[in-house]
Amino acid sequence: AEVINTYNEHDLARILRVYGEEKFASQIAREIVRRREQEPIETTGQ
């Protein structure tokens, strides 16, 4: 939760791309930042 809610968009995208080999890392990181501005991301379901 701390990683997802505190890391900046660039670092989140890098982690998803490098450690997860996720093709859509940038899009997911952008969506994380957008959602956490509305409310904290605290569960796996979110």
ModelCIF file with pLDDT and N, C-alpha, C, O atoms, coordinates in Angstrom:
data_MODEL
#
_entry.id   MODEL 
#
_entity.id                         1 
_entity.type                       polymer 
_entity.pdbx_number_of_molecules   1 
#
_entity_poly.entity_id                      1 
_entity_poly.type                           'polypeptide(L)' 
_entity_poly.nstd_linkage                   no 
_entity_poly.nstd_monomer                   no 
_entity_poly.pdbx_seq_one_letter_code       AEVINTYNEHDLARILRVYGEEKFASQIAREIVRRREQEPIETTGQ 
_entity_poly.pdbx_seq_one_letter_code_can   AEVINTYNEHDLARILRVYGEEKFASQIAREIVRRREQEPIETTGQ 
_entity_poly.pdbx_strand_id                 A 
#
loop_
_entity_poly_seq.entity_id 
_entity_poly_seq.num 
_entity_poly_seq.mon_id 
_entity_poly_seq.hetero 
1 1  ALA n 
1 2  GLU n 
1 3  VAL n 
1 4  ILE n 
1 5  ASN n 
1 6  THR n 
1 7  TYR n 
1 8  ASN n 
1 9  GLU n 
1 10 HIS n 
1 11 ASP n 
1 12 LEU n 
1 13 ALA n 
1 14 ARG n 
1 15 ILE n 
1 16 LEU n 
1 17 ARG n 
1 18 VAL n 
1 19 TYR n 
1 20 GLY n 
1 21 GLU n 
1 22 GLU n 
1 23 LYS n 
1 24 PHE n 
1 25 ALA n 
1 26 SER n 
1 27 GLN n 
1 28 ILE n 
1 29 ALA n 
1 30 ARG n 
1 31 GLU n 
1 32 ILE n 
1 33 VAL n 
1 34 ARG n 
1 35 ARG n 
1 36 ARG n 
1 37 GLU n 
1 38 GLN n 
1 39 GLU n 
1 40 PRO n 
1 41 ILE n 
1 42 GLU n 
1 43 THR n 
1 44 THR n 
1 45 GLY n 
1 46 GLN n 
#
_struct_asym.id          A 
_struct_asym.entity_id   1 
#
loop_
_ma_qa_metric.id 
_ma_qa_metric.mode 
_ma_qa_metric.name 
_ma_qa_metric.software_group_id 
_ma_qa_metric.type 
1 global pLDDT . pLDDT 
2 local  pLDDT . pLDDT 
#
_ma_qa_metric_global.metric_id      1 
_ma_qa_metric_global.metric_value   96.15 
_ma_qa_metric_global.model_id       1 
_ma_qa_metric_global.ordinal_id     1 
#
loop_
_ma_qa_metric_local.label_asym_id 
_ma_qa_metric_local.label_comp_id 
_ma_qa_metric_local.label_seq_id 
_ma_qa_metric_local.metric_id 
_ma_qa_metric_local.metric_value 
_ma_qa_metric_local.model_id 
_ma_qa_metric_local.ordinal_id 
A ALA 1  2 96.00 1 1  
A GLU 2  2 96.00 1 2  
A VAL 3  2 97.00 1 3  
A ILE 4  2 97.00 1 4  
A ASN 5  2 97.00 1 5  
A THR 6  2 96.00 1 6  
A TYR 7  2 97.00 1 7  
A ASN 8  2 96.00 1 8  
A GLU 9  2 96.00 1 9  
A HIS 10 2 97.00 1 10 
A ASP 11 2 96.00 1 11 
A LEU 12 2 97.00 1 12 
A ALA 13 2 97.00 1 13 
A ARG 14 2 96.00 1 14 
A ILE 15 2 97.00 1 15 
A LEU 16 2 97.00 1 16 
A ARG 17 2 96.00 1 17 
A VAL 18 2 94.00 1 18 
A TYR 19 2 95.00 1 19 
A GLY 20 2 94.00 1 20 
A GLU 21 2 93.00 1 21 
A GLU 22 2 95.00 1 22 
A LYS 23 2 94.00 1 23 
A PHE 24 2 96.00 1 24 
A ALA 25 2 97.00 1 25 
A SER 26 2 96.00 1 26 
A GLN 27 2 96.00 1 27 
A ILE 28 2 97.00 1 28 
A ALA 29 2 97.00 1 29 
A ARG 30 2 97.00 1 30 
A GLU 31 2 97.00 1 31 
A ILE 32 2 97.00 1 32 
A VAL 33 2 97.00 1 33 
A ARG 34 2 96.00 1 34 
A ARG 35 2 96.00 1 35 
A ARG 36 2 96.00 1 36 
A GLU 37 2 96.00 1 37 
A GLN 38 2 96.00 1 38 
A GLU 39 2 96.00 1 39 
A PRO 40 2 96.00 1 40 
A ILE 41 2 97.00 1 41 
A GLU 42 2 96.00 1 42 
A THR 43 2 96.00 1 43 
A THR 44 2 96.00 1 44 
A GLY 45 2 96.00 1 45 
A GLN 46 2 97.00 1 46 
#
loop_
_atom_site.group_PDB 
_atom_site.id 
_atom_site.type_symbol 
_atom_site.label_atom_id 
_atom_site.label_alt_id 
_atom_site.label_comp_id 
_atom_site.label_asym_id 
_atom_site.label_entity_id 
_atom_site.label_seq_id 
_atom_site.pdbx_PDB_ins_code 
_atom_site.Cartn_x 
_atom_site.Cartn_y 
_atom_site.Cartn_z 
_atom_site.occupancy 
_atom_site.B_iso_or_equiv 
_atom_site.pdbx_formal_charge 
_atom_site.auth_seq_id 
_atom_site.auth_comp_id 
_atom_site.auth_asym_id 
_atom_site.auth_atom_id 
_atom_site.pdbx_PDB_model_num 
ATOM 1   N N  . ALA A 1 1  ? 0.829   -1.207 0.000   1.00 96.00 ? 1  ALA A N  1 
ATOM 2   C CA . ALA A 1 1  ? 0.000   0.000  0.000   1.00 96.00 ? 1  ALA A CA 1 
ATOM 3   C C  . ALA A 1 1  ? 0.863   1.257  0.000   1.00 96.00 ? 1  ALA A C  1 
ATOM 4   O O  . ALA A 1 1  ? 0.538   2.235  -0.673  1.00 96.00 ? 1  ALA A O  1 
ATOM 5   N N  . GLU A 1 2  ? 1.964   1.235  0.753   1.00 96.00 ? 2  GLU A N  1 
ATOM 6   C CA . GLU A 1 2  ? 2.847   2.403  0.798   1.00 96.00 ? 2  GLU A CA 1 
ATOM 7   C C  . GLU A 1 2  ? 3.532   2.618  -0.548  1.00 96.00 ? 2  GLU A C  1 
ATOM 8   O O  . GLU A 1 2  ? 3.687   3.756  -0.989  1.00 96.00 ? 2  GLU A O  1 
ATOM 9   N N  . VAL A 1 3  ? 3.940   1.536  -1.201  1.00 97.00 ? 3  VAL A N  1 
ATOM 10  C CA . VAL A 1 3  ? 4.553   1.663  -2.520  1.00 97.00 ? 3  VAL A CA 1 
ATOM 11  C C  . VAL A 1 3  ? 3.565   2.283  -3.502  1.00 97.00 ? 3  VAL A C  1 
ATOM 12  O O  . VAL A 1 3  ? 3.899   3.226  -4.219  1.00 97.00 ? 3  VAL A O  1 
ATOM 13  N N  . ILE A 1 4  ? 2.352   1.749  -3.528  1.00 97.00 ? 4  ILE A N  1 
ATOM 14  C CA . ILE A 1 4  ? 1.354   2.195  -4.500  1.00 97.00 ? 4  ILE A CA 1 
ATOM 15  C C  . ILE A 1 4  ? 0.889   3.624  -4.224  1.00 97.00 ? 4  ILE A C  1 
ATOM 16  O O  . ILE A 1 4  ? 0.588   4.366  -5.158  1.00 97.00 ? 4  ILE A O  1 
ATOM 17  N N  . ASN A 1 5  ? 0.828   4.012  -2.959  1.00 97.00 ? 5  ASN A N  1 
ATOM 18  C CA . ASN A 1 5  ? 0.289   5.332  -2.616  1.00 97.00 ? 5  ASN A CA 1 
ATOM 19  C C  . ASN A 1 5  ? 1.325   6.434  -2.504  1.00 97.00 ? 5  ASN A C  1 
ATOM 20  O O  . ASN A 1 5  ? 0.957   7.607  -2.441  1.00 97.00 ? 5  ASN A O  1 
ATOM 21  N N  . THR A 1 6  ? 2.615   6.097  -2.478  1.00 96.00 ? 6  THR A N  1 
ATOM 22  C CA . THR A 1 6  ? 3.637   7.127  -2.270  1.00 96.00 ? 6  THR A CA 1 
ATOM 23  C C  . THR A 1 6  ? 4.633   7.260  -3.418  1.00 96.00 ? 6  THR A C  1 
ATOM 24  O O  . THR A 1 6  ? 5.199   8.337  -3.606  1.00 96.00 ? 6  THR A O  1 
ATOM 25  N N  . TYR A 1 7  ? 4.864   6.197  -4.193  1.00 97.00 ? 7  TYR A N  1 
ATOM 26  C CA . TYR A 1 7  ? 5.822   6.295  -5.291  1.00 97.00 ? 7  TYR A CA 1 
ATOM 27  C C  . TYR A 1 7  ? 5.258   7.184  -6.396  1.00 97.00 ? 7  TYR A C  1 
ATOM 28  O O  . TYR A 1 7  ? 4.050   7.196  -6.632  1.00 97.00 ? 7  TYR A O  1 
ATOM 29  N N  . ASN A 1 8  ? 6.132   7.926  -7.068  1.00 96.00 ? 8  ASN A N  1 
ATOM 30  C CA . ASN A 1 8  ? 5.656   8.765  -8.167  1.00 96.00 ? 8  ASN A CA 1 
ATOM 31  C C  . ASN A 1 8  ? 5.343   7.918  -9.397  1.00 96.00 ? 8  ASN A C  1 
ATOM 32  O O  . ASN A 1 8  ? 5.686   6.737  -9.457  1.00 96.00 ? 8  ASN A O  1 
ATOM 33  N N  . GLU A 1 9  ? 4.695   8.531  -10.364 1.00 96.00 ? 9  GLU A N  1 
ATOM 34  C CA . GLU A 1 9  ? 4.224   7.798  -11.541 1.00 96.00 ? 9  GLU A CA 1 
ATOM 35  C C  . GLU A 1 9  ? 5.375   7.167  -12.321 1.00 96.00 ? 9  GLU A C  1 
ATOM 36  O O  . GLU A 1 9  ? 5.258   6.044  -12.812 1.00 96.00 ? 9  GLU A O  1 
ATOM 37  N N  . HIS A 1 10 ? 6.481   7.891  -12.432 1.00 97.00 ? 10 HIS A N  1 
ATOM 38  C CA . HIS A 1 10 ? 7.633   7.365  -13.176 1.00 97.00 ? 10 HIS A CA 1 
ATOM 39  C C  . HIS A 1 10 ? 8.169   6.096  -12.518 1.00 97.00 ? 10 HIS A C  1 
ATOM 40  O O  . HIS A 1 10 ? 8.423   5.105  -13.203 1.00 97.00 ? 10 HIS A O  1 
ATOM 41  N N  . ASP A 1 11 ? 8.345   6.117  -11.190 1.00 96.00 ? 11 ASP A N  1 
ATOM 42  C CA . ASP A 1 11 ? 8.881   4.946  -10.498 1.00 96.00 ? 11 ASP A CA 1 
ATOM 43  C C  . ASP A 1 11 ? 7.914   3.771  -10.548 1.00 96.00 ? 11 ASP A C  1 
ATOM 44  O O  . ASP A 1 11 ? 8.339   2.627  -10.703 1.00 96.00 ? 11 ASP A O  1 
ATOM 45  N N  . LEU A 1 12 ? 6.620   4.042  -10.418 1.00 97.00 ? 12 LEU A N  1 
ATOM 46  C CA . LEU A 1 12 ? 5.637   2.968  -10.511 1.00 97.00 ? 12 LEU A CA 1 
ATOM 47  C C  . LEU A 1 12 ? 5.680   2.306  -11.885 1.00 97.00 ? 12 LEU A C  1 
ATOM 48  O O  . LEU A 1 12 ? 5.635   1.081  -11.994 1.00 97.00 ? 12 LEU A O  1 
ATOM 49  N N  . ALA A 1 13 ? 5.766   3.120  -12.924 1.00 97.00 ? 13 ALA A N  1 
ATOM 50  C CA . ALA A 1 13 ? 5.832   2.576  -14.281 1.00 97.00 ? 13 ALA A CA 1 
ATOM 51  C C  . ALA A 1 13 ? 7.097   1.738  -14.470 1.00 97.00 ? 13 ALA A C  1 
ATOM 52  O O  . ALA A 1 13 ? 7.061   0.678  -15.096 1.00 97.00 ? 13 ALA A O  1 
ATOM 53  N N  . ARG A 1 14 ? 8.213   2.223  -13.923 1.00 96.00 ? 14 ARG A N  1 
ATOM 54  C CA . ARG A 1 14 ? 9.477   1.475  -14.037 1.00 96.00 ? 14 ARG A CA 1 
ATOM 55  C C  . ARG A 1 14 ? 9.373   0.122  -13.337 1.00 96.00 ? 14 ARG A C  1 
ATOM 56  O O  . ARG A 1 14 ? 9.796   -0.895 -13.887 1.00 96.00 ? 14 ARG A O  1 
ATOM 57  N N  . ILE A 1 15 ? 8.813   0.103  -12.130 1.00 97.00 ? 15 ILE A N  1 
ATOM 58  C CA . ILE A 1 15 ? 8.686   -1.148 -11.370 1.00 97.00 ? 15 ILE A CA 1 
ATOM 59  C C  . ILE A 1 15 ? 7.800   -2.139 -12.113 1.00 97.00 ? 15 ILE A C  1 
ATOM 60  O O  . ILE A 1 15 ? 8.142   -3.316 -12.227 1.00 97.00 ? 15 ILE A O  1 
ATOM 61  N N  . LEU A 1 16 ? 6.662   -1.667 -12.620 1.00 97.00 ? 16 LEU A N  1 
ATOM 62  C CA . LEU A 1 16 ? 5.742   -2.547 -13.332 1.00 97.00 ? 16 LEU A CA 1 
ATOM 63  C C  . LEU A 1 16 ? 6.365   -3.069 -14.625 1.00 97.00 ? 16 LEU A C  1 
ATOM 64  O O  . LEU A 1 16 ? 6.136   -4.214 -15.014 1.00 97.00 ? 16 LEU A O  1 
ATOM 65  N N  . ARG A 1 17 ? 7.154   -2.222 -15.286 1.00 96.00 ? 17 ARG A N  1 
ATOM 66  C CA . ARG A 1 17 ? 7.758   -2.614 -16.560 1.00 96.00 ? 17 ARG A CA 1 
ATOM 67  C C  . ARG A 1 17 ? 8.930   -3.573 -16.346 1.00 96.00 ? 17 ARG A C  1 
ATOM 68  O O  . ARG A 1 17 ? 9.052   -4.575 -17.050 1.00 96.00 ? 17 ARG A O  1 
ATOM 69  N N  . VAL A 1 18 ? 9.785   -3.265 -15.382 1.00 94.00 ? 18 VAL A N  1 
ATOM 70  C CA . VAL A 1 18 ? 11.000  -4.055 -15.179 1.00 94.00 ? 18 VAL A CA 1 
ATOM 71  C C  . VAL A 1 18 ? 10.718  -5.332 -14.398 1.00 94.00 ? 18 VAL A C  1 
ATOM 72  O O  . VAL A 1 18 ? 11.124  -6.415 -14.820 1.00 94.00 ? 18 VAL A O  1 
ATOM 73  N N  . TYR A 1 19 ? 10.024  -5.219 -13.259 1.00 95.00 ? 19 TYR A N  1 
ATOM 74  C CA . TYR A 1 19 ? 9.798   -6.376 -12.398 1.00 95.00 ? 19 TYR A CA 1 
ATOM 75  C C  . TYR A 1 19 ? 8.609   -7.227 -12.843 1.00 95.00 ? 19 TYR A C  1 
ATOM 76  O O  . TYR A 1 19 ? 8.576   -8.428 -12.576 1.00 95.00 ? 19 TYR A O  1 
ATOM 77  N N  . GLY A 1 20 ? 7.642   -6.622 -13.513 1.00 94.00 ? 20 GLY A N  1 
ATOM 78  C CA . GLY A 1 20 ? 6.473   -7.374 -13.953 1.00 94.00 ? 20 GLY A CA 1 
ATOM 79  C C  . GLY A 1 20 ? 6.446   -7.640 -15.438 1.00 94.00 ? 20 GLY A C  1 
ATOM 80  O O  . GLY A 1 20 ? 5.619   -8.411 -15.924 1.00 94.00 ? 20 GLY A O  1 
ATOM 81  N N  . GLU A 1 21 ? 7.370   -6.990 -16.175 1.00 93.00 ? 21 GLU A N  1 
ATOM 82  C CA . GLU A 1 21 ? 7.383   -7.100 -17.634 1.00 93.00 ? 21 GLU A CA 1 
ATOM 83  C C  . GLU A 1 21 ? 5.995   -6.824 -18.197 1.00 93.00 ? 21 GLU A C  1 
ATOM 84  O O  . GLU A 1 21 ? 5.513   -7.504 -19.103 1.00 93.00 ? 21 GLU A O  1 
ATOM 85  N N  . GLU A 1 22 ? 5.372   -5.792 -17.620 1.00 95.00 ? 22 GLU A N  1 
ATOM 86  C CA . GLU A 1 22 ? 4.018   -5.399 -17.989 1.00 95.00 ? 22 GLU A CA 1 
ATOM 87  C C  . GLU A 1 22 ? 4.047   -4.440 -19.172 1.00 95.00 ? 22 GLU A C  1 
ATOM 88  O O  . GLU A 1 22 ? 4.644   -3.366 -19.103 1.00 95.00 ? 22 GLU A O  1 
ATOM 89  N N  . LYS A 1 23 ? 3.398   -4.840 -20.246 1.00 94.00 ? 23 LYS A N  1 
ATOM 90  C CA . LYS A 1 23 ? 3.380   -4.051 -21.478 1.00 94.00 ? 23 LYS A CA 1 
ATOM 91  C C  . LYS A 1 23 ? 2.681   -2.708 -21.277 1.00 94.00 ? 23 LYS A C  1 
ATOM 92  O O  . LYS A 1 23 ? 3.043   -1.716 -21.909 1.00 94.00 ? 23 LYS A O  1 
ATOM 93  N N  . PHE A 1 24 ? 1.678   -2.678 -20.396 1.00 96.00 ? 24 PHE A N  1 
ATOM 94  C CA . PHE A 1 24 ? 0.886   -1.468 -20.196 1.00 96.00 ? 24 PHE A CA 1 
ATOM 95  C C  . PHE A 1 24 ? 1.256   -0.775 -18.878 1.00 96.00 ? 24 PHE A C  1 
ATOM 96  O O  . PHE A 1 24 ? 0.396   -0.224 -18.192 1.00 96.00 ? 24 PHE A O  1 
ATOM 97  N N  . ALA A 1 25 ? 2.540   -0.811 -18.541 1.00 97.00 ? 25 ALA A N  1 
ATOM 98  C CA . ALA A 1 25 ? 3.009   -0.256 -17.272 1.00 97.00 ? 25 ALA A CA 1 
ATOM 99  C C  . ALA A 1 25 ? 2.686   1.230  -17.137 1.00 97.00 ? 25 ALA A C  1 
ATOM 100 O O  . ALA A 1 25 ? 2.227   1.667  -16.082 1.00 97.00 ? 25 ALA A O  1 
ATOM 101 N N  . SER A 1 26 ? 2.916   1.994  -18.169 1.00 96.00 ? 26 SER A N  1 
ATOM 102 C CA . SER A 1 26 ? 2.681   3.440  -18.093 1.00 96.00 ? 26 SER A CA 1 
ATOM 103 C C  . SER A 1 26 ? 1.206   3.752  -17.872 1.00 96.00 ? 26 SER A C  1 
ATOM 104 O O  . SER A 1 26 ? 0.862   4.624  -17.073 1.00 96.00 ? 26 SER A O  1 
ATOM 105 N N  . GLN A 1 27 ? 0.336   3.034  -18.584 1.00 96.00 ? 27 GLN A N  1 
ATOM 106 C CA . GLN A 1 27 ? -1.101  3.266  -18.423 1.00 96.00 ? 27 GLN A CA 1 
ATOM 107 C C  . GLN A 1 27 ? -1.577  2.906  -17.017 1.00 96.00 ? 27 GLN A C  1 
ATOM 108 O O  . GLN A 1 27 ? -2.381  3.629  -16.427 1.00 96.00 ? 27 GLN A O  1 
ATOM 109 N N  . ILE A 1 28 ? -1.080  1.788  -16.480 1.00 97.00 ? 28 ILE A N  1 
ATOM 110 C CA . ILE A 1 28 ? -1.485  1.366  -15.131 1.00 97.00 ? 28 ILE A CA 1 
ATOM 111 C C  . ILE A 1 28 ? -0.972  2.366  -14.100 1.00 97.00 ? 28 ILE A C  1 
ATOM 112 O O  . ILE A 1 28 ? -1.706  2.737  -13.185 1.00 97.00 ? 28 ILE A O  1 
ATOM 113 N N  . ALA A 1 29 ? 0.287   2.809  -14.235 1.00 97.00 ? 29 ALA A N  1 
ATOM 114 C CA . ALA A 1 29 ? 0.855   3.783  -13.296 1.00 97.00 ? 29 ALA A CA 1 
ATOM 115 C C  . ALA A 1 29 ? 0.062   5.083  -13.320 1.00 97.00 ? 29 ALA A C  1 
ATOM 116 O O  . ALA A 1 29 ? -0.184  5.688  -12.277 1.00 97.00 ? 29 ALA A O  1 
ATOM 117 N N  . ARG A 1 30 ? -0.334  5.505  -14.505 1.00 97.00 ? 30 ARG A N  1 
ATOM 118 C CA . ARG A 1 30 ? -1.125  6.729  -14.630 1.00 97.00 ? 30 ARG A CA 1 
ATOM 119 C C  . ARG A 1 30 ? -2.483  6.578  -13.936 1.00 97.00 ? 30 ARG A C  1 
ATOM 120 O O  . ARG A 1 30 ? -2.967  7.505  -13.287 1.00 97.00 ? 30 ARG A O  1 
ATOM 121 N N  . GLU A 1 31 ? -3.083  5.401  -14.084 1.00 97.00 ? 31 GLU A N  1 
ATOM 122 C CA . GLU A 1 31 ? -4.382  5.147  -13.454 1.00 97.00 ? 31 GLU A CA 1 
ATOM 123 C C  . GLU A 1 31 ? -4.243  5.074  -11.931 1.00 97.00 ? 31 GLU A C  1 
ATOM 124 O O  . GLU A 1 31 ? -5.132  5.523  -11.207 1.00 97.00 ? 31 GLU A O  1 
ATOM 125 N N  . ILE A 1 32 ? -3.132  4.511  -11.440 1.00 97.00 ? 32 ILE A N  1 
ATOM 126 C CA . ILE A 1 32 ? -2.889  4.455  -9.993  1.00 97.00 ? 32 ILE A CA 1 
ATOM 127 C C  . ILE A 1 32 ? -2.846  5.863  -9.411  1.00 97.00 ? 32 ILE A C  1 
ATOM 128 O O  . ILE A 1 32 ? -3.499  6.147  -8.407  1.00 97.00 ? 32 ILE A O  1 
ATOM 129 N N  . VAL A 1 33 ? -2.076  6.742  -10.043 1.00 97.00 ? 33 VAL A N  1 
ATOM 130 C CA . VAL A 1 33 ? -1.943  8.116  -9.559  1.00 97.00 ? 33 VAL A CA 1 
ATOM 131 C C  . VAL A 1 33 ? -3.290  8.830  -9.591  1.00 97.00 ? 33 VAL A C  1 
ATOM 132 O O  . VAL A 1 33 ? -3.623  9.566  -8.663  1.00 97.00 ? 33 VAL A O  1 
ATOM 133 N N  . ARG A 1 34 ? -4.060  8.620  -10.643 1.00 96.00 ? 34 ARG A N  1 
ATOM 134 C CA . ARG A 1 34 ? -5.372  9.272  -10.754 1.00 96.00 ? 34 ARG A CA 1 
ATOM 135 C C  . ARG A 1 34 ? -6.322  8.806  -9.654  1.00 96.00 ? 34 ARG A C  1 
ATOM 136 O O  . ARG A 1 34 ? -7.018  9.618  -9.045  1.00 96.00 ? 34 ARG A O  1 
ATOM 137 N N  . ARG A 1 35 ? -6.349  7.493  -9.401  1.00 96.00 ? 35 ARG A N  1 
ATOM 138 C CA . ARG A 1 35 ? -7.272  6.942  -8.400  1.00 96.00 ? 35 ARG A CA 1 
ATOM 139 C C  . ARG A 1 35 ? -6.882  7.347  -6.976  1.00 96.00 ? 35 ARG A C  1 
ATOM 140 O O  . ARG A 1 35 ? -7.747  7.655  -6.156  1.00 96.00 ? 35 ARG A O  1 
ATOM 141 N N  . ARG A 1 36 ? -5.577  7.346  -6.685  1.00 96.00 ? 36 ARG A N  1 
ATOM 142 C CA . ARG A 1 36 ? -5.169  7.647  -5.307  1.00 96.00 ? 36 ARG A CA 1 
ATOM 143 C C  . ARG A 1 36 ? -5.375  9.114  -4.959  1.00 96.00 ? 36 ARG A C  1 
ATOM 144 O O  . ARG A 1 36 ? -5.390  9.468  -3.780  1.00 96.00 ? 36 ARG A O  1 
ATOM 145 N N  . GLU A 1 37 ? -5.532  9.964  -5.949  1.00 96.00 ? 37 GLU A N  1 
ATOM 146 C CA . GLU A 1 37 ? -5.878  11.354 -5.672  1.00 96.00 ? 37 GLU A CA 1 
ATOM 147 C C  . GLU A 1 37 ? -7.312  11.464 -5.154  1.00 96.00 ? 37 GLU A C  1 
ATOM 148 O O  . GLU A 1 37 ? -7.656  12.427 -4.468  1.00 96.00 ? 37 GLU A O  1 
ATOM 149 N N  . GLN A 1 38 ? -8.136  10.487 -5.481  1.00 96.00 ? 38 GLN A N  1 
ATOM 150 C CA . GLN A 1 38 ? -9.520  10.477 -5.036  1.00 96.00 ? 38 GLN A CA 1 
ATOM 151 C C  . GLN A 1 38 ? -9.654  9.836  -3.654  1.00 96.00 ? 38 GLN A C  1 
ATOM 152 O O  . GLN A 1 38 ? -10.391 10.335 -2.804  1.00 96.00 ? 38 GLN A O  1 
ATOM 153 N N  . GLU A 1 39 ? -8.932  8.715  -3.429  1.00 96.00 ? 39 GLU A N  1 
ATOM 154 C CA . GLU A 1 39 ? -8.938  8.017  -2.148  1.00 96.00 ? 39 GLU A CA 1 
ATOM 155 C C  . GLU A 1 39 ? -7.724  7.097  -2.082  1.00 96.00 ? 39 GLU A C  1 
ATOM 156 O O  . GLU A 1 39 ? -7.219  6.674  -3.122  1.00 96.00 ? 39 GLU A O  1 
ATOM 157 N N  . PRO A 1 40 ? -7.247  6.779  -0.878  1.00 96.00 ? 40 PRO A N  1 
ATOM 158 C CA . PRO A 1 40 ? -6.099  5.875  -0.759  1.00 96.00 ? 40 PRO A CA 1 
ATOM 159 C C  . PRO A 1 40 ? -6.428  4.498  -1.323  1.00 96.00 ? 40 PRO A C  1 
ATOM 160 O O  . PRO A 1 40 ? -7.559  4.022  -1.214  1.00 96.00 ? 40 PRO A O  1 
ATOM 161 N N  . ILE A 1 41 ? -5.430  3.870  -1.924  1.00 97.00 ? 41 ILE A N  1 
ATOM 162 C CA . ILE A 1 41 ? -5.579  2.502  -2.449  1.00 97.00 ? 41 ILE A CA 1 
ATOM 163 C C  . ILE A 1 41 ? -5.081  1.552  -1.362  1.00 97.00 ? 41 ILE A C  1 
ATOM 164 O O  . ILE A 1 41 ? -3.879  1.477  -1.108  1.00 97.00 ? 41 ILE A O  1 
ATOM 165 N N  . GLU A 1 42 ? -5.990  0.833  -0.727  1.00 96.00 ? 42 GLU A N  1 
ATOM 166 C CA . GLU A 1 42 ? -5.634  0.074  0.473   1.00 96.00 ? 42 GLU A CA 1 
ATOM 167 C C  . GLU A 1 42 ? -5.902  -1.420 0.358   1.00 96.00 ? 42 GLU A C  1 
ATOM 168 O O  . GLU A 1 42 ? -5.438  -2.178 1.209   1.00 96.00 ? 42 GLU A O  1 
ATOM 169 N N  . THR A 1 43 ? -6.624  -1.875 -0.650  1.00 96.00 ? 43 THR A N  1 
ATOM 170 C CA . THR A 1 43 ? -6.964  -3.296 -0.749  1.00 96.00 ? 43 THR A CA 1 
ATOM 171 C C  . THR A 1 43 ? -6.561  -3.864 -2.103  1.00 96.00 ? 43 THR A C  1 
ATOM 172 O O  . THR A 1 43 ? -6.381  -3.139 -3.081  1.00 96.00 ? 43 THR A O  1 
ATOM 173 N N  . THR A 1 44 ? -6.426  -5.191 -2.124  1.00 96.00 ? 44 THR A N  1 
ATOM 174 C CA . THR A 1 44 ? -6.086  -5.866 -3.378  1.00 96.00 ? 44 THR A CA 1 
ATOM 175 C C  . THR A 1 44 ? -7.210  -5.710 -4.395  1.00 96.00 ? 44 THR A C  1 
ATOM 176 O O  . THR A 1 44 ? -6.958  -5.623 -5.597  1.00 96.00 ? 44 THR A O  1 
ATOM 177 N N  . GLY A 1 45 ? -8.445  -5.675 -3.914  1.00 96.00 ? 45 GLY A N  1 
ATOM 178 C CA . GLY A 1 45 ? -9.577  -5.493 -4.825  1.00 96.00 ? 45 GLY A CA 1 
ATOM 179 C C  . GLY A 1 45 ? -9.511  -4.173 -5.561  1.00 96.00 ? 45 GLY A C  1 
ATOM 180 O O  . GLY A 1 45 ? -9.768  -4.116 -6.763  1.00 96.00 ? 45 GLY A O  1 
ATOM 181 N N  . GLN A 1 46 ? -9.163  -3.101 -4.842  1.00 97.00 ? 46 GLN A N  1 
ATOM 182 C CA . GLN A 1 46 ? -9.000  -1.794 -5.490  1.00 97.00 ? 46 GLN A CA 1 
ATOM 183 C C  . GLN A 1 46 ? -7.891  -1.844 -6.532  1.00 97.00 ? 46 GLN A C  1 
ATOM 184 O O  . GLN A 1 46 ? -7.609  -0.837 -7.181  1.00 97.00 ? 46 GLN A O  1 
#
